[in-house]
Amino acid sequence: MKLLALLSAALVVCAGCGHARPSRDLSTRTYLIDEDASGVGGALGTGGAGFDCDDELNQCFTRCWESAKQPYPHVEHNEWYYEHCTRECRKQYMQCVEEKEKEDAERAKKRPPLEFSSFDKARDWIRAHKSEVALGTVVVVAGAAFILATGGSGALILAPLAL
């Protein structure tokens, strides 16, 4: 037993404690952008108005189901009518999603890549444009890739992107 304890202690001393060493490599550190992540992505895909295809789908189905006028010859709310409302509203939903995807693709083409020469420049830009970036956005700082995320306390951070 003493031999096992001695060998364990020798192994720890020889190998060192990897997590206790300070990292000098820029790409292995996590950087704090802001103490509060609220407002991130607030204007993405909505023009700031909060338009949502899922919400539109729910409203469409409610309007269809509660409509007094039903397609001829149906006169009651039954399984067929449920499927009818689902089918009609799904068409509108898919059209909405396709339009939003086109808008997002056009916006992405116009948006410059998030590449910065220093962390300070990246932090300042992200703080000033919080509503324009989404969680999960890849940010390149001095050639190292990071991902915009939230910490456990709700802080906005840049975490190293590990592939």
N, C-alpha and C. Protein backbone atom coordinates (compact mmCIF):
# COMPACT_ATOMS: atom_id res chain seq x y z
N MET A 1 0.83 -1.19 0.00
CA MET A 1 0.00 0.00 0.00
C MET A 1 0.87 1.25 0.00
N LYS A 2 1.95 1.20 0.82
CA LYS A 2 2.86 2.34 0.87
C LYS A 2 3.54 2.53 -0.47
N LEU A 3 3.86 1.41 -1.12
CA LEU A 3 4.51 1.47 -2.42
C LEU A 3 3.59 2.12 -3.46
N LEU A 4 2.31 1.79 -3.42
CA LEU A 4 1.33 2.37 -4.34
C LEU A 4 1.20 3.88 -4.11
N ALA A 5 1.15 4.30 -2.87
CA ALA A 5 1.07 5.73 -2.55
C ALA A 5 2.33 6.45 -3.00
N LEU A 6 3.49 5.84 -2.81
CA LEU A 6 4.76 6.44 -3.21
C LEU A 6 4.84 6.57 -4.72
N LEU A 7 4.42 5.52 -5.44
CA LEU A 7 4.43 5.58 -6.91
C LEU A 7 3.44 6.63 -7.43
N SER A 8 2.29 6.75 -6.81
CA SER A 8 1.30 7.76 -7.21
C SER A 8 1.85 9.16 -7.02
N ALA A 9 2.49 9.39 -5.88
CA ALA A 9 3.07 10.70 -5.61
C ALA A 9 4.19 11.01 -6.60
N ALA A 10 5.01 10.02 -6.91
CA ALA A 10 6.10 10.22 -7.87
C ALA A 10 5.55 10.54 -9.25
N LEU A 11 4.48 9.87 -9.66
CA LEU A 11 3.87 10.11 -10.96
C LEU A 11 3.33 11.53 -11.06
N VAL A 12 2.66 12.00 -10.03
CA VAL A 12 2.11 13.36 -10.02
C VAL A 12 3.23 14.39 -10.10
N VAL A 13 4.32 14.17 -9.36
CA VAL A 13 5.44 15.11 -9.36
C VAL A 13 6.12 15.13 -10.72
N CYS A 14 6.32 13.95 -11.31
CA CYS A 14 7.00 13.87 -12.61
C CYS A 14 6.14 14.44 -13.74
N ALA A 15 4.89 14.09 -13.76
CA ALA A 15 4.01 14.52 -14.84
C ALA A 15 3.58 15.96 -14.68
N GLY A 16 3.55 16.45 -13.47
CA GLY A 16 3.09 17.81 -13.23
C GLY A 16 1.58 17.87 -13.24
N CYS A 17 1.08 18.97 -12.85
CA CYS A 17 -0.36 19.17 -12.81
C CYS A 17 -0.72 20.06 -13.99
N GLY A 18 -1.22 19.48 -15.08
CA GLY A 18 -1.47 20.21 -16.32
C GLY A 18 -2.47 21.33 -16.20
N HIS A 19 -3.50 21.16 -15.39
CA HIS A 19 -4.51 22.20 -15.33
C HIS A 19 -4.08 23.39 -14.48
N ALA A 20 -3.00 23.26 -13.72
CA ALA A 20 -2.55 24.36 -12.88
C ALA A 20 -1.61 25.30 -13.61
N ARG A 21 -1.10 24.87 -14.77
CA ARG A 21 -0.18 25.71 -15.52
C ARG A 21 -0.95 26.81 -16.23
N PRO A 22 -0.49 28.05 -16.14
CA PRO A 22 -1.16 29.11 -16.88
C PRO A 22 -0.94 28.94 -18.37
N SER A 23 -1.97 29.17 -19.14
CA SER A 23 -1.88 29.01 -20.58
C SER A 23 -1.39 30.30 -21.21
N ARG A 24 -0.38 30.19 -22.02
CA ARG A 24 0.14 31.35 -22.76
C ARG A 24 -0.45 31.38 -24.17
N ASP A 25 -1.07 30.30 -24.57
CA ASP A 25 -1.63 30.19 -25.90
C ASP A 25 -2.98 30.89 -25.96
N LEU A 26 -3.11 31.84 -26.87
CA LEU A 26 -4.35 32.62 -27.03
C LEU A 26 -5.55 31.73 -27.29
N SER A 27 -5.36 30.66 -28.07
CA SER A 27 -6.49 29.84 -28.50
C SER A 27 -7.01 28.88 -27.44
N THR A 28 -6.40 28.82 -26.27
CA THR A 28 -6.89 27.90 -25.23
C THR A 28 -7.53 28.63 -24.07
N ARG A 29 -7.63 29.93 -24.13
CA ARG A 29 -8.24 30.71 -23.05
C ARG A 29 -9.68 31.07 -23.38
N THR A 30 -10.46 31.29 -22.35
CA THR A 30 -11.83 31.77 -22.50
C THR A 30 -11.84 33.24 -22.09
N TYR A 31 -12.48 34.08 -22.89
CA TYR A 31 -12.48 35.52 -22.66
C TYR A 31 -13.88 36.01 -22.32
N LEU A 32 -13.95 36.87 -21.33
CA LEU A 32 -15.22 37.48 -20.92
C LEU A 32 -15.50 38.68 -21.83
N ILE A 33 -16.66 38.67 -22.45
CA ILE A 33 -17.08 39.79 -23.30
C ILE A 33 -17.91 40.76 -22.48
N ASP A 34 -18.89 40.24 -21.76
CA ASP A 34 -19.79 41.08 -20.97
C ASP A 34 -20.36 40.25 -19.83
N GLU A 35 -20.65 40.90 -18.72
CA GLU A 35 -21.21 40.21 -17.55
C GLU A 35 -22.64 39.72 -17.81
N ASP A 36 -23.32 40.34 -18.79
CA ASP A 36 -24.71 40.02 -19.05
C ASP A 36 -24.89 39.71 -20.53
N ALA A 37 -25.43 38.55 -20.86
CA ALA A 37 -25.61 38.14 -22.25
C ALA A 37 -26.96 38.59 -22.82
N SER A 38 -27.75 39.32 -22.06
CA SER A 38 -29.07 39.72 -22.57
C SER A 38 -28.90 40.66 -23.76
N GLY A 39 -29.80 40.52 -24.71
CA GLY A 39 -29.78 41.35 -25.90
C GLY A 39 -29.03 40.72 -27.06
N VAL A 40 -28.37 39.60 -26.83
CA VAL A 40 -27.63 38.95 -27.91
C VAL A 40 -28.62 38.36 -28.91
N GLY A 41 -28.44 38.69 -30.18
CA GLY A 41 -29.28 38.14 -31.23
C GLY A 41 -30.68 38.71 -31.26
N GLY A 42 -30.91 39.84 -30.61
CA GLY A 42 -32.25 40.41 -30.53
C GLY A 42 -32.83 40.83 -31.86
N ALA A 43 -31.98 41.21 -32.82
CA ALA A 43 -32.47 41.70 -34.10
C ALA A 43 -32.28 40.71 -35.23
N LEU A 44 -31.80 39.52 -34.94
CA LEU A 44 -31.52 38.57 -36.01
C LEU A 44 -32.79 38.02 -36.63
N GLY A 45 -32.90 38.15 -37.94
CA GLY A 45 -34.00 37.55 -38.68
C GLY A 45 -35.35 38.14 -38.39
N THR A 46 -35.43 39.16 -37.58
CA THR A 46 -36.73 39.71 -37.23
C THR A 46 -36.83 41.18 -37.60
N GLY A 47 -35.70 41.78 -37.98
CA GLY A 47 -35.71 43.21 -38.20
C GLY A 47 -36.03 43.94 -36.92
N GLY A 48 -35.86 43.26 -35.80
CA GLY A 48 -36.15 43.85 -34.50
C GLY A 48 -37.62 43.75 -34.13
N ALA A 49 -38.46 43.23 -35.05
CA ALA A 49 -39.89 43.20 -34.80
C ALA A 49 -40.34 41.93 -34.11
N GLY A 50 -39.51 40.92 -34.08
CA GLY A 50 -39.87 39.69 -33.40
C GLY A 50 -40.76 38.76 -34.20
N PHE A 51 -40.81 38.88 -35.54
CA PHE A 51 -41.62 38.00 -36.38
C PHE A 51 -41.11 36.58 -36.26
N ASP A 52 -42.03 35.63 -36.14
CA ASP A 52 -41.65 34.24 -35.90
C ASP A 52 -42.56 33.33 -36.71
N CYS A 53 -41.98 32.47 -37.54
CA CYS A 53 -42.77 31.55 -38.36
C CYS A 53 -43.55 30.56 -37.51
N ASP A 54 -42.97 30.10 -36.41
CA ASP A 54 -43.67 29.15 -35.53
C ASP A 54 -44.92 29.79 -34.93
N ASP A 55 -44.81 31.03 -34.52
CA ASP A 55 -45.95 31.74 -33.97
C ASP A 55 -47.02 31.94 -35.04
N GLU A 56 -46.58 32.25 -36.25
CA GLU A 56 -47.52 32.41 -37.37
C GLU A 56 -48.25 31.10 -37.65
N LEU A 57 -47.56 29.97 -37.55
CA LEU A 57 -48.18 28.66 -37.76
C LEU A 57 -49.28 28.42 -36.72
N ASN A 58 -49.00 28.71 -35.47
CA ASN A 58 -50.00 28.52 -34.41
C ASN A 58 -51.22 29.41 -34.63
N GLN A 59 -50.98 30.65 -35.01
CA GLN A 59 -52.10 31.57 -35.26
C GLN A 59 -52.93 31.11 -36.46
N CYS A 60 -52.26 30.64 -37.50
CA CYS A 60 -52.96 30.15 -38.69
C CYS A 60 -53.86 28.98 -38.34
N PHE A 61 -53.34 28.03 -37.58
CA PHE A 61 -54.14 26.85 -37.22
C PHE A 61 -55.34 27.26 -36.37
N THR A 62 -55.12 28.17 -35.43
CA THR A 62 -56.23 28.62 -34.58
C THR A 62 -57.31 29.29 -35.43
N ARG A 63 -56.91 30.17 -36.36
CA ARG A 63 -57.88 30.84 -37.24
C ARG A 63 -58.64 29.81 -38.07
N CYS A 64 -57.92 28.85 -38.63
CA CYS A 64 -58.56 27.83 -39.47
C CYS A 64 -59.54 26.99 -38.66
N TRP A 65 -59.10 26.51 -37.51
CA TRP A 65 -59.92 25.61 -36.70
C TRP A 65 -61.16 26.31 -36.16
N GLU A 66 -61.03 27.58 -35.81
CA GLU A 66 -62.15 28.31 -35.22
C GLU A 66 -63.04 28.97 -36.26
N SER A 67 -62.70 28.82 -37.52
CA SER A 67 -63.49 29.43 -38.59
C SER A 67 -64.86 28.76 -38.68
N ALA A 68 -65.89 29.58 -38.84
CA ALA A 68 -67.25 29.05 -38.96
C ALA A 68 -67.49 28.51 -40.37
N LYS A 69 -66.75 29.06 -41.32
CA LYS A 69 -66.91 28.64 -42.71
C LYS A 69 -65.93 27.50 -43.01
N GLN A 70 -66.48 26.32 -43.32
CA GLN A 70 -65.66 25.16 -43.60
C GLN A 70 -65.79 24.78 -45.07
N PRO A 71 -64.76 24.12 -45.63
CA PRO A 71 -64.84 23.73 -47.04
C PRO A 71 -66.01 22.78 -47.29
N TYR A 72 -66.73 23.03 -48.38
CA TYR A 72 -67.87 22.19 -48.76
C TYR A 72 -67.38 20.79 -49.04
N PRO A 73 -67.99 19.75 -48.68
CA PRO A 73 -69.28 19.55 -48.05
C PRO A 73 -69.17 19.33 -46.54
N HIS A 74 -68.04 19.62 -45.95
CA HIS A 74 -67.81 19.35 -44.53
C HIS A 74 -68.52 20.39 -43.66
N VAL A 75 -69.16 19.89 -42.61
CA VAL A 75 -69.93 20.78 -41.74
C VAL A 75 -69.53 20.65 -40.27
N GLU A 76 -68.59 19.79 -39.95
CA GLU A 76 -68.22 19.62 -38.55
C GLU A 76 -66.69 19.54 -38.40
N HIS A 77 -66.25 19.83 -37.19
CA HIS A 77 -64.82 19.74 -36.87
C HIS A 77 -64.49 18.28 -36.57
N ASN A 78 -63.86 17.62 -37.51
CA ASN A 78 -63.51 16.22 -37.32
C ASN A 78 -62.05 16.01 -37.74
N GLU A 79 -61.65 14.75 -37.86
CA GLU A 79 -60.26 14.43 -38.21
C GLU A 79 -59.87 15.01 -39.56
N TRP A 80 -60.80 14.94 -40.54
CA TRP A 80 -60.50 15.49 -41.85
C TRP A 80 -60.22 16.98 -41.76
N TYR A 81 -61.03 17.69 -40.99
CA TYR A 81 -60.86 19.15 -40.88
C TYR A 81 -59.55 19.49 -40.17
N TYR A 82 -59.18 18.71 -39.18
CA TYR A 82 -57.91 18.90 -38.49
C TYR A 82 -56.75 18.75 -39.48
N GLU A 83 -56.81 17.71 -40.30
CA GLU A 83 -55.77 17.49 -41.30
C GLU A 83 -55.76 18.60 -42.34
N HIS A 84 -56.95 19.09 -42.70
CA HIS A 84 -57.06 20.19 -43.66
C HIS A 84 -56.35 21.43 -43.11
N CYS A 85 -56.64 21.81 -41.88
CA CYS A 85 -56.01 22.99 -41.27
C CYS A 85 -54.50 22.80 -41.16
N THR A 86 -54.09 21.61 -40.77
CA THR A 86 -52.66 21.31 -40.65
C THR A 86 -51.97 21.45 -42.00
N ARG A 87 -52.57 20.90 -43.04
CA ARG A 87 -51.99 20.93 -44.39
C ARG A 87 -51.89 22.37 -44.92
N GLU A 88 -52.97 23.13 -44.79
CA GLU A 88 -52.98 24.50 -45.31
C GLU A 88 -52.00 25.40 -44.56
N CYS A 89 -51.96 25.25 -43.25
CA CYS A 89 -51.06 26.10 -42.46
C CYS A 89 -49.60 25.68 -42.64
N ARG A 90 -49.37 24.40 -42.87
CA ARG A 90 -48.00 23.94 -43.11
C ARG A 90 -47.45 24.56 -44.40
N LYS A 91 -48.29 24.72 -45.42
CA LYS A 91 -47.85 25.36 -46.67
C LYS A 91 -47.36 26.78 -46.38
N GLN A 92 -48.15 27.53 -45.61
CA GLN A 92 -47.77 28.90 -45.26
C GLN A 92 -46.50 28.91 -44.42
N TYR A 93 -46.38 27.95 -43.50
CA TYR A 93 -45.20 27.87 -42.63
C TYR A 93 -43.94 27.62 -43.46
N MET A 94 -44.01 26.67 -44.38
CA MET A 94 -42.84 26.35 -45.20
C MET A 94 -42.45 27.54 -46.07
N GLN A 95 -43.43 28.27 -46.57
CA GLN A 95 -43.14 29.46 -47.36
C GLN A 95 -42.45 30.51 -46.49
N CYS A 96 -42.91 30.69 -45.27
CA CYS A 96 -42.31 31.63 -44.33
C CYS A 96 -40.86 31.24 -44.03
N VAL A 97 -40.63 29.95 -43.77
CA VAL A 97 -39.27 29.48 -43.45
C VAL A 97 -38.34 29.69 -44.63
N GLU A 98 -38.80 29.40 -45.84
CA GLU A 98 -37.97 29.59 -47.04
C GLU A 98 -37.62 31.06 -47.23
N GLU A 99 -38.58 31.95 -47.01
CA GLU A 99 -38.32 33.38 -47.14
C GLU A 99 -37.29 33.84 -46.11
N LYS A 100 -37.43 33.37 -44.88
CA LYS A 100 -36.48 33.75 -43.83
C LYS A 100 -35.09 33.21 -44.13
N GLU A 101 -35.00 32.00 -44.67
CA GLU A 101 -33.69 31.44 -45.03
C GLU A 101 -33.03 32.26 -46.12
N LYS A 102 -33.82 32.71 -47.11
CA LYS A 102 -33.27 33.56 -48.17
C LYS A 102 -32.77 34.88 -47.60
N GLU A 103 -33.56 35.48 -46.71
CA GLU A 103 -33.16 36.74 -46.08
C GLU A 103 -31.88 36.56 -45.27
N ASP A 104 -31.80 35.47 -44.53
CA ASP A 104 -30.61 35.20 -43.72
C ASP A 104 -29.38 35.00 -44.60
N ALA A 105 -29.55 34.30 -45.72
CA ALA A 105 -28.43 34.07 -46.63
C ALA A 105 -27.95 35.39 -47.24
N GLU A 106 -28.89 36.25 -47.63
CA GLU A 106 -28.51 37.55 -48.18
C GLU A 106 -27.82 38.41 -47.13
N ARG A 107 -28.32 38.37 -45.91
CA ARG A 107 -27.71 39.14 -44.82
C ARG A 107 -26.30 38.63 -44.52
N ALA A 108 -26.12 37.31 -44.59
CA ALA A 108 -24.79 36.73 -44.32
C ALA A 108 -23.79 37.12 -45.40
N LYS A 109 -24.26 37.25 -46.65
CA LYS A 109 -23.37 37.67 -47.73
C LYS A 109 -22.89 39.10 -47.52
N LYS A 110 -23.77 39.95 -47.01
CA LYS A 110 -23.44 41.36 -46.80
C LYS A 110 -22.59 41.58 -45.56
N ARG A 111 -22.71 40.68 -44.59
CA ARG A 111 -22.01 40.84 -43.32
C ARG A 111 -20.54 40.45 -43.47
N PRO A 112 -19.63 41.31 -43.03
CA PRO A 112 -18.22 40.93 -43.10
C PRO A 112 -17.92 39.82 -42.09
N PRO A 113 -16.90 39.00 -42.36
CA PRO A 113 -16.56 37.95 -41.39
C PRO A 113 -16.08 38.58 -40.09
N LEU A 114 -16.35 37.92 -38.98
CA LEU A 114 -15.94 38.44 -37.68
C LEU A 114 -14.50 38.02 -37.41
N GLU A 115 -13.57 38.81 -37.94
CA GLU A 115 -12.15 38.57 -37.75
C GLU A 115 -11.53 39.82 -37.16
N PHE A 116 -10.76 39.64 -36.10
CA PHE A 116 -10.14 40.76 -35.40
C PHE A 116 -8.68 40.46 -35.13
N SER A 117 -7.88 41.52 -35.06
CA SER A 117 -6.44 41.34 -34.81
C SER A 117 -6.13 41.19 -33.32
N SER A 118 -7.03 41.68 -32.47
CA SER A 118 -6.78 41.56 -31.02
C SER A 118 -8.10 41.28 -30.29
N PHE A 119 -7.97 40.76 -29.09
CA PHE A 119 -9.15 40.46 -28.29
C PHE A 119 -9.89 41.74 -27.92
N ASP A 120 -9.16 42.82 -27.62
CA ASP A 120 -9.81 44.07 -27.23
C ASP A 120 -10.72 44.59 -28.34
N LYS A 121 -10.26 44.50 -29.59
CA LYS A 121 -11.09 44.95 -30.72
C LYS A 121 -12.33 44.07 -30.86
N ALA A 122 -12.15 42.77 -30.69
CA ALA A 122 -13.28 41.84 -30.79
C ALA A 122 -14.30 42.14 -29.70
N ARG A 123 -13.83 42.30 -28.46
CA ARG A 123 -14.73 42.56 -27.33
C ARG A 123 -15.51 43.85 -27.55
N ASP A 124 -14.82 44.91 -27.95
CA ASP A 124 -15.48 46.20 -28.16
C ASP A 124 -16.54 46.11 -29.26
N TRP A 125 -16.21 45.42 -30.36
CA TRP A 125 -17.16 45.32 -31.46
C TRP A 125 -18.37 44.50 -31.03
N ILE A 126 -18.16 43.38 -30.37
CA ILE A 126 -19.29 42.52 -29.96
C ILE A 126 -20.18 43.24 -28.96
N ARG A 127 -19.59 43.98 -28.03
CA ARG A 127 -20.39 44.74 -27.07
C ARG A 127 -21.26 45.78 -27.78
N ALA A 128 -20.70 46.42 -28.80
CA ALA A 128 -21.44 47.46 -29.52
C ALA A 128 -22.51 46.88 -30.45
N HIS A 129 -22.36 45.63 -30.86
CA HIS A 129 -23.27 45.02 -31.83
C HIS A 129 -23.92 43.74 -31.29
N LYS A 130 -24.23 43.72 -30.00
CA LYS A 130 -24.80 42.53 -29.36
C LYS A 130 -26.03 41.98 -30.07
N SER A 131 -26.91 42.86 -30.50
CA SER A 131 -28.16 42.39 -31.09
C SER A 131 -27.96 41.79 -32.48
N GLU A 132 -26.80 42.03 -33.09
CA GLU A 132 -26.55 41.56 -34.45
C GLU A 132 -25.85 40.21 -34.50
N VAL A 133 -25.37 39.71 -33.37
CA VAL A 133 -24.67 38.42 -33.35
C VAL A 133 -25.50 37.41 -32.56
N ALA A 134 -25.34 36.15 -32.92
CA ALA A 134 -26.08 35.09 -32.23
C ALA A 134 -25.13 34.23 -31.42
N LEU A 135 -25.67 33.59 -30.40
CA LEU A 135 -24.86 32.62 -29.67
C LEU A 135 -24.48 31.52 -30.66
N GLY A 136 -23.25 31.08 -30.59
CA GLY A 136 -22.76 30.08 -31.53
C GLY A 136 -22.01 30.67 -32.71
N THR A 137 -21.96 32.00 -32.79
CA THR A 137 -21.23 32.66 -33.87
C THR A 137 -19.73 32.41 -33.71
N VAL A 138 -19.07 32.09 -34.81
CA VAL A 138 -17.62 31.89 -34.78
C VAL A 138 -16.93 33.23 -34.97
N VAL A 139 -15.98 33.52 -34.09
CA VAL A 139 -15.21 34.76 -34.13
C VAL A 139 -13.74 34.39 -34.19
N VAL A 140 -13.01 34.99 -35.14
CA VAL A 140 -11.58 34.71 -35.28
C VAL A 140 -10.81 35.89 -34.70
N VAL A 141 -9.95 35.61 -33.72
CA VAL A 141 -9.14 36.63 -33.07
C VAL A 141 -7.68 36.23 -33.24
N ALA A 142 -6.92 37.07 -33.96
CA ALA A 142 -5.49 36.83 -34.20
C ALA A 142 -5.25 35.42 -34.74
N GLY A 143 -6.12 34.97 -35.63
CA GLY A 143 -5.96 33.67 -36.26
C GLY A 143 -6.51 32.49 -35.48
N ALA A 144 -6.97 32.70 -34.26
CA ALA A 144 -7.53 31.63 -33.43
C ALA A 144 -9.05 31.71 -33.45
N ALA A 145 -9.72 30.57 -33.61
CA ALA A 145 -11.18 30.53 -33.70
C ALA A 145 -11.81 30.37 -32.32
N PHE A 146 -12.84 31.18 -32.08
CA PHE A 146 -13.61 31.14 -30.84
C PHE A 146 -15.08 31.07 -31.19
N ILE A 147 -15.88 30.69 -30.21
CA ILE A 147 -17.33 30.64 -30.39
C ILE A 147 -17.97 31.50 -29.32
N LEU A 148 -18.97 32.27 -29.71
CA LEU A 148 -19.69 33.14 -28.78
C LEU A 148 -20.66 32.28 -27.98
N ALA A 149 -20.54 32.31 -26.65
CA ALA A 149 -21.35 31.45 -25.79
C ALA A 149 -21.69 32.18 -24.50
N THR A 150 -22.45 31.52 -23.64
CA THR A 150 -22.73 32.08 -22.32
C THR A 150 -22.10 31.19 -21.26
N GLY A 151 -21.62 31.84 -20.21
CA GLY A 151 -21.06 31.11 -19.09
C GLY A 151 -22.17 30.69 -18.14
N GLY A 152 -21.81 30.00 -17.10
CA GLY A 152 -22.80 29.50 -16.14
C GLY A 152 -23.56 30.60 -15.43
N SER A 153 -22.96 31.78 -15.30
CA SER A 153 -23.62 32.88 -14.60
C SER A 153 -24.40 33.78 -15.54
N GLY A 154 -24.47 33.43 -16.82
CA GLY A 154 -25.17 34.26 -17.78
C GLY A 154 -24.27 35.27 -18.46
N ALA A 155 -22.97 35.18 -18.23
CA ALA A 155 -22.02 36.09 -18.84
C ALA A 155 -21.80 35.69 -20.30
N LEU A 156 -21.52 36.68 -21.13
CA LEU A 156 -21.22 36.45 -22.54
C LEU A 156 -19.72 36.22 -22.66
N ILE A 157 -19.33 35.09 -23.25
CA ILE A 157 -17.91 34.75 -23.33
C ILE A 157 -17.53 34.32 -24.75
N LEU A 158 -16.23 34.39 -25.03
CA LEU A 158 -15.65 33.80 -26.23
C LEU A 158 -14.89 32.57 -25.77
N ALA A 159 -15.35 31.41 -26.17
CA ALA A 159 -14.72 30.15 -25.77
C ALA A 159 -13.96 29.59 -26.96
N PRO A 160 -12.83 28.93 -26.71
CA PRO A 160 -12.07 28.34 -27.82
C PRO A 160 -12.91 27.35 -28.60
N LEU A 161 -12.79 27.40 -29.90
CA LEU A 161 -13.52 26.48 -30.76
C LEU A 161 -12.65 25.25 -30.97
N ALA A 162 -13.08 24.13 -30.44
CA ALA A 162 -12.33 22.88 -30.57
C ALA A 162 -13.01 22.02 -31.61
N LEU A 163 -12.31 21.68 -32.63
CA LEU A 163 -12.88 20.85 -33.70
C LEU A 163 -12.49 19.42 -33.52
